[in-house]
């Protein structure tokens, strides 16, 4: 049914704290270091999806240090999660001195059921 499918792709407003905890837990599981995440907020100028009064976009940024393999498995885990977490953009700053840890920033979007 449609309501069940929408539930797979959205979170309720009271679930945003749990989402932050879930992403932090995935970071620990994939052994990324120096993990930080900004506060969850409705995306400026994009918070309302046209012709969809019940859903808004919520954006956040996560930053961490990891190897390329850790980065890939962490991103894969987030993309396979429920609710769905969309990766909008990312950048990786290669460590020039050794290849063990690279700085990464990822822009994420989730959909909020109002």
N, C-alpha and C. Protein backbone atom coordinates (compact mmCIF):
# COMPACT_ATOMS: atom_id res chain seq x y z
N UNK A 1 0.82 -1.19 0.00
CA UNK A 1 0.00 0.00 0.00
C UNK A 1 0.87 1.25 0.00
N UNK A 2 0.33 2.35 -0.46
CA UNK A 2 1.08 3.59 -0.61
C UNK A 2 1.59 4.12 0.72
N UNK A 3 0.79 4.05 1.76
CA UNK A 3 1.22 4.56 3.07
C UNK A 3 2.44 3.80 3.57
N UNK A 4 2.48 2.51 3.34
CA UNK A 4 3.63 1.71 3.75
C UNK A 4 4.88 2.06 2.98
N UNK A 5 4.73 2.33 1.68
CA UNK A 5 5.88 2.72 0.87
C UNK A 5 6.41 4.09 1.27
N UNK A 6 5.50 5.02 1.56
CA UNK A 6 5.92 6.35 1.99
C UNK A 6 6.69 6.25 3.30
N UNK A 7 6.27 5.36 4.18
CA UNK A 7 6.94 5.18 5.47
C UNK A 7 8.39 4.73 5.31
N UNK A 8 8.70 3.96 4.26
CA UNK A 8 10.06 3.52 4.01
C UNK A 8 10.99 4.68 3.66
N UNK A 9 10.44 5.74 3.09
CA UNK A 9 11.24 6.85 2.59
C UNK A 9 11.18 8.09 3.46
N UNK A 10 10.42 8.06 4.56
CA UNK A 10 10.24 9.27 5.37
C UNK A 10 10.47 8.97 6.85
N UNK A 11 10.69 10.06 7.58
CA UNK A 11 10.72 9.99 9.04
C UNK A 11 9.71 10.99 9.58
N UNK A 12 9.23 10.73 10.77
CA UNK A 12 8.35 11.68 11.45
C UNK A 12 9.22 12.72 12.16
N UNK A 13 8.68 13.90 12.44
CA UNK A 13 9.49 14.93 13.13
C UNK A 13 10.11 14.44 14.44
N UNK A 14 9.41 13.58 15.16
CA UNK A 14 9.94 13.10 16.43
C UNK A 14 11.04 12.04 16.26
N UNK A 15 11.32 11.64 15.04
CA UNK A 15 12.35 10.63 14.78
C UNK A 15 13.70 11.22 14.34
N UNK A 16 13.80 12.54 14.23
CA UNK A 16 15.04 13.14 13.74
C UNK A 16 16.21 12.87 14.69
N UNK A 17 15.97 12.87 16.00
CA UNK A 17 17.05 12.56 16.94
C UNK A 17 17.53 11.12 16.76
N UNK A 18 16.59 10.21 16.54
CA UNK A 18 16.97 8.81 16.31
C UNK A 18 17.79 8.66 15.04
N UNK A 19 17.45 9.44 14.00
CA UNK A 19 18.20 9.39 12.75
C UNK A 19 19.64 9.79 13.00
N UNK A 20 19.85 10.86 13.75
CA UNK A 20 21.21 11.29 14.08
C UNK A 20 21.97 10.20 14.82
N UNK A 21 21.32 9.57 15.77
CA UNK A 21 21.95 8.48 16.52
C UNK A 21 22.28 7.30 15.61
N UNK A 22 21.37 6.97 14.70
CA UNK A 22 21.59 5.86 13.77
C UNK A 22 22.81 6.12 12.88
N UNK A 23 22.91 7.34 12.36
CA UNK A 23 24.05 7.67 11.49
C UNK A 23 25.34 7.63 12.29
N UNK A 24 25.32 8.14 13.52
CA UNK A 24 26.50 8.09 14.39
C UNK A 24 26.91 6.65 14.66
N UNK A 25 25.93 5.78 14.89
CA UNK A 25 26.22 4.37 15.14
C UNK A 25 26.86 3.72 13.91
N UNK A 26 26.35 4.04 12.73
CA UNK A 26 26.95 3.49 11.51
C UNK A 26 28.40 3.96 11.36
N UNK A 27 28.66 5.21 11.73
CA UNK A 27 30.04 5.73 11.67
C UNK A 27 30.95 4.90 12.59
N UNK A 28 30.47 4.59 13.79
CA UNK A 28 31.26 3.76 14.71
C UNK A 28 31.48 2.37 14.14
N UNK A 29 30.43 1.78 13.58
CA UNK A 29 30.53 0.43 13.01
C UNK A 29 31.55 0.35 11.88
N UNK A 30 31.68 1.43 11.12
CA UNK A 30 32.60 1.45 9.98
C UNK A 30 33.94 2.08 10.33
N UNK A 31 34.11 2.36 11.62
CA UNK A 31 35.39 2.81 12.18
C UNK A 31 35.92 4.09 11.54
N UNK A 32 35.00 5.01 11.19
CA UNK A 32 35.47 6.32 10.75
C UNK A 32 35.81 7.13 12.00
N UNK A 33 36.75 8.04 11.90
CA UNK A 33 37.18 8.81 13.05
C UNK A 33 36.83 10.28 12.87
N UNK A 34 36.98 11.04 13.95
CA UNK A 34 36.69 12.48 13.95
C UNK A 34 35.31 12.77 13.37
N UNK A 35 34.35 11.93 13.70
CA UNK A 35 32.99 12.06 13.15
C UNK A 35 32.27 13.24 13.79
N UNK A 36 31.61 14.04 12.96
CA UNK A 36 30.74 15.11 13.45
C UNK A 36 29.57 15.28 12.49
N UNK A 37 28.48 15.80 13.02
CA UNK A 37 27.27 15.99 12.22
C UNK A 37 26.61 17.29 12.67
N UNK A 38 26.13 18.07 11.67
CA UNK A 38 25.45 19.30 12.03
C UNK A 38 24.03 18.99 12.49
N UNK A 39 23.36 19.98 13.01
CA UNK A 39 21.98 19.82 13.46
C UNK A 39 21.07 19.55 12.27
N UNK A 40 20.09 18.71 12.47
CA UNK A 40 19.11 18.40 11.43
C UNK A 40 18.21 19.62 11.26
N UNK A 41 18.00 20.04 10.01
CA UNK A 41 17.14 21.19 9.76
C UNK A 41 16.47 21.06 8.40
N UNK A 42 15.33 21.71 8.26
CA UNK A 42 14.65 21.74 6.96
C UNK A 42 15.52 22.54 6.01
N UNK A 43 15.72 22.03 4.81
CA UNK A 43 16.63 22.66 3.86
C UNK A 43 16.09 24.01 3.41
N UNK A 44 16.93 25.01 3.52
CA UNK A 44 16.59 26.37 3.13
C UNK A 44 16.20 26.42 1.66
N UNK A 45 15.03 26.95 1.38
CA UNK A 45 14.58 27.12 0.01
C UNK A 45 14.11 25.84 -0.66
N UNK A 46 14.33 24.70 -0.02
CA UNK A 46 13.93 23.43 -0.62
C UNK A 46 13.08 22.61 0.34
N UNK A 47 12.69 23.23 1.46
CA UNK A 47 12.00 22.48 2.49
C UNK A 47 10.67 21.92 2.08
N UNK A 48 10.00 22.57 1.13
CA UNK A 48 8.70 22.10 0.71
C UNK A 48 8.80 21.54 -0.70
N UNK A 49 8.30 20.35 -0.87
CA UNK A 49 8.32 19.72 -2.18
C UNK A 49 7.04 20.12 -2.91
N UNK A 50 7.13 20.69 -4.12
CA UNK A 50 5.93 21.13 -4.84
C UNK A 50 4.90 20.00 -4.98
N UNK A 51 3.63 20.37 -4.80
CA UNK A 51 2.51 19.44 -4.93
C UNK A 51 2.59 18.27 -3.95
N UNK A 52 3.31 18.46 -2.87
CA UNK A 52 3.42 17.40 -1.86
C UNK A 52 3.40 18.07 -0.49
N UNK A 53 2.21 18.34 0.00
CA UNK A 53 2.04 19.10 1.22
C UNK A 53 2.46 18.38 2.48
N UNK A 54 2.62 17.08 2.43
CA UNK A 54 2.89 16.31 3.64
C UNK A 54 4.36 15.93 3.84
N UNK A 55 5.24 16.29 2.90
CA UNK A 55 6.63 15.88 2.99
C UNK A 55 7.54 17.07 2.77
N UNK A 56 8.59 17.16 3.58
CA UNK A 56 9.61 18.20 3.44
C UNK A 56 10.97 17.54 3.37
N UNK A 57 11.94 18.23 2.77
CA UNK A 57 13.31 17.76 2.72
C UNK A 57 14.05 18.25 3.96
N UNK A 58 14.83 17.37 4.56
CA UNK A 58 15.66 17.73 5.70
C UNK A 58 17.10 17.45 5.32
N UNK A 59 17.97 18.43 5.53
CA UNK A 59 19.37 18.26 5.16
C UNK A 59 20.29 18.29 6.36
N UNK A 60 21.43 17.63 6.20
CA UNK A 60 22.47 17.64 7.23
C UNK A 60 23.80 17.37 6.55
N UNK A 61 24.87 17.68 7.26
CA UNK A 61 26.21 17.42 6.76
C UNK A 61 26.95 16.59 7.79
N UNK A 62 27.64 15.56 7.33
CA UNK A 62 28.49 14.77 8.21
C UNK A 62 29.93 14.91 7.74
N UNK A 63 30.85 14.95 8.69
CA UNK A 63 32.28 15.06 8.40
C UNK A 63 33.00 13.99 9.19
N UNK A 64 34.06 13.44 8.60
CA UNK A 64 34.81 12.38 9.26
C UNK A 64 36.12 12.13 8.53
N UNK A 65 36.95 11.29 9.14
CA UNK A 65 38.21 10.87 8.53
C UNK A 65 38.15 9.36 8.37
N UNK A 66 38.54 8.88 7.19
CA UNK A 66 38.48 7.44 6.92
C UNK A 66 39.38 7.09 5.74
N UNK A 67 39.58 5.79 5.56
CA UNK A 67 40.23 5.32 4.33
C UNK A 67 39.18 5.36 3.22
N UNK A 68 39.60 5.15 1.99
CA UNK A 68 38.64 5.14 0.89
C UNK A 68 37.65 3.98 1.04
N UNK A 69 38.14 2.82 1.49
CA UNK A 69 37.25 1.67 1.68
C UNK A 69 36.23 1.93 2.78
N UNK A 70 36.65 2.53 3.89
CA UNK A 70 35.72 2.87 4.97
C UNK A 70 34.68 3.87 4.48
N UNK A 71 35.13 4.84 3.70
CA UNK A 71 34.20 5.82 3.13
C UNK A 71 33.12 5.12 2.32
N UNK A 72 33.54 4.23 1.42
CA UNK A 72 32.60 3.54 0.54
C UNK A 72 31.61 2.67 1.32
N UNK A 73 32.10 1.93 2.30
CA UNK A 73 31.18 1.07 3.06
C UNK A 73 30.25 1.88 3.94
N UNK A 74 30.73 3.00 4.48
CA UNK A 74 29.87 3.87 5.29
C UNK A 74 28.77 4.49 4.44
N UNK A 75 29.12 5.01 3.27
CA UNK A 75 28.12 5.59 2.37
C UNK A 75 27.12 4.52 1.93
N UNK A 76 27.60 3.34 1.61
CA UNK A 76 26.73 2.24 1.20
C UNK A 76 25.74 1.90 2.32
N UNK A 77 26.21 1.85 3.55
CA UNK A 77 25.34 1.54 4.69
C UNK A 77 24.25 2.61 4.86
N UNK A 78 24.63 3.88 4.68
CA UNK A 78 23.63 4.95 4.81
C UNK A 78 22.59 4.86 3.70
N UNK A 79 23.03 4.60 2.48
CA UNK A 79 22.10 4.55 1.35
C UNK A 79 21.16 3.35 1.43
N UNK A 80 21.54 2.29 2.13
CA UNK A 80 20.71 1.10 2.26
C UNK A 80 19.84 1.14 3.52
N UNK A 81 19.94 2.21 4.27
CA UNK A 81 19.21 2.30 5.53
C UNK A 81 17.73 2.62 5.33
N UNK A 82 16.97 2.44 6.36
CA UNK A 82 15.57 2.85 6.39
C UNK A 82 15.39 3.78 7.56
N UNK A 83 14.86 4.96 7.42
CA UNK A 83 14.40 5.52 6.16
C UNK A 83 15.58 5.78 5.22
N UNK A 84 15.27 5.94 3.97
CA UNK A 84 16.29 6.16 2.96
C UNK A 84 17.01 7.48 3.23
N UNK A 85 18.33 7.44 3.16
CA UNK A 85 19.17 8.63 3.29
C UNK A 85 19.79 8.87 1.91
N UNK A 86 19.55 10.03 1.35
CA UNK A 86 20.08 10.36 0.03
C UNK A 86 21.38 11.14 0.18
N UNK A 87 22.39 10.76 -0.58
CA UNK A 87 23.66 11.47 -0.61
C UNK A 87 23.56 12.53 -1.70
N UNK A 88 23.53 13.80 -1.29
CA UNK A 88 23.43 14.90 -2.25
C UNK A 88 24.78 15.24 -2.88
N UNK A 89 25.78 15.32 -2.03
CA UNK A 89 27.11 15.67 -2.51
C UNK A 89 28.13 15.21 -1.48
N UNK A 90 29.36 15.05 -1.93
CA UNK A 90 30.43 14.71 -1.01
C UNK A 90 31.74 15.22 -1.56
N UNK A 91 32.70 15.37 -0.67
CA UNK A 91 34.07 15.64 -1.10
C UNK A 91 35.01 14.88 -0.18
N UNK A 92 36.13 14.48 -0.75
CA UNK A 92 37.16 13.78 -0.02
C UNK A 92 38.46 14.56 -0.20
N UNK A 93 39.05 14.92 0.91
CA UNK A 93 40.33 15.63 0.88
C UNK A 93 41.44 14.62 1.18
N UNK A 94 42.19 14.28 0.16
CA UNK A 94 43.23 13.26 0.28
C UNK A 94 44.31 13.70 1.24
N UNK A 95 44.67 12.80 2.12
CA UNK A 95 45.76 13.03 3.06
C UNK A 95 47.07 12.96 2.28
N UNK A 96 47.84 14.04 2.29
CA UNK A 96 49.07 14.10 1.49
C UNK A 96 50.24 13.38 2.15
N UNK A 97 50.17 13.14 3.46
CA UNK A 97 51.32 12.53 4.14
C UNK A 97 51.24 11.02 4.22
N UNK A 98 50.07 10.47 4.43
CA UNK A 98 49.91 9.01 4.39
C UNK A 98 48.51 8.70 3.89
N UNK A 99 48.30 7.48 3.49
CA UNK A 99 47.03 7.12 2.87
C UNK A 99 46.03 6.51 3.85
N UNK A 100 46.28 6.64 5.15
CA UNK A 100 45.43 5.96 6.13
C UNK A 100 44.13 6.69 6.41
N UNK A 101 44.12 8.00 6.30
CA UNK A 101 42.90 8.73 6.64
C UNK A 101 42.72 9.97 5.80
N UNK A 102 41.56 10.09 5.19
CA UNK A 102 41.24 11.23 4.34
C UNK A 102 40.02 11.94 4.92
N UNK A 103 40.03 13.26 4.89
CA UNK A 103 38.90 14.03 5.40
C UNK A 103 37.75 14.01 4.41
N UNK A 104 36.56 13.76 4.90
CA UNK A 104 35.37 13.69 4.04
C UNK A 104 34.24 14.54 4.61
N UNK A 105 33.47 15.12 3.71
CA UNK A 105 32.24 15.82 4.05
C UNK A 105 31.15 15.31 3.13
N UNK A 106 29.99 14.99 3.72
CA UNK A 106 28.86 14.47 2.93
C UNK A 106 27.62 15.28 3.25
N UNK A 107 26.95 15.77 2.20
CA UNK A 107 25.65 16.41 2.34
C UNK A 107 24.56 15.37 2.16
N UNK A 108 23.68 15.24 3.15
CA UNK A 108 22.62 14.23 3.14
C UNK A 108 21.25 14.87 3.08
N UNK A 109 20.28 14.14 2.54
CA UNK A 109 18.88 14.55 2.58
C UNK A 109 18.03 13.37 3.01
N UNK A 110 17.08 13.63 3.88
CA UNK A 110 16.04 12.68 4.22
C UNK A 110 14.71 13.38 4.03
N UNK A 111 13.65 12.63 3.91
CA UNK A 111 12.32 13.22 3.76
C UNK A 111 11.56 13.11 5.06
N UNK A 112 10.98 14.24 5.46
CA UNK A 112 10.25 14.36 6.70
C UNK A 112 8.75 14.35 6.44
N UNK A 113 8.04 13.45 7.07
CA UNK A 113 6.58 13.38 6.95
C UNK A 113 6.02 14.37 7.97
N UNK A 114 5.38 15.41 7.46
CA UNK A 114 4.83 16.45 8.33
C UNK A 114 3.56 16.01 9.02
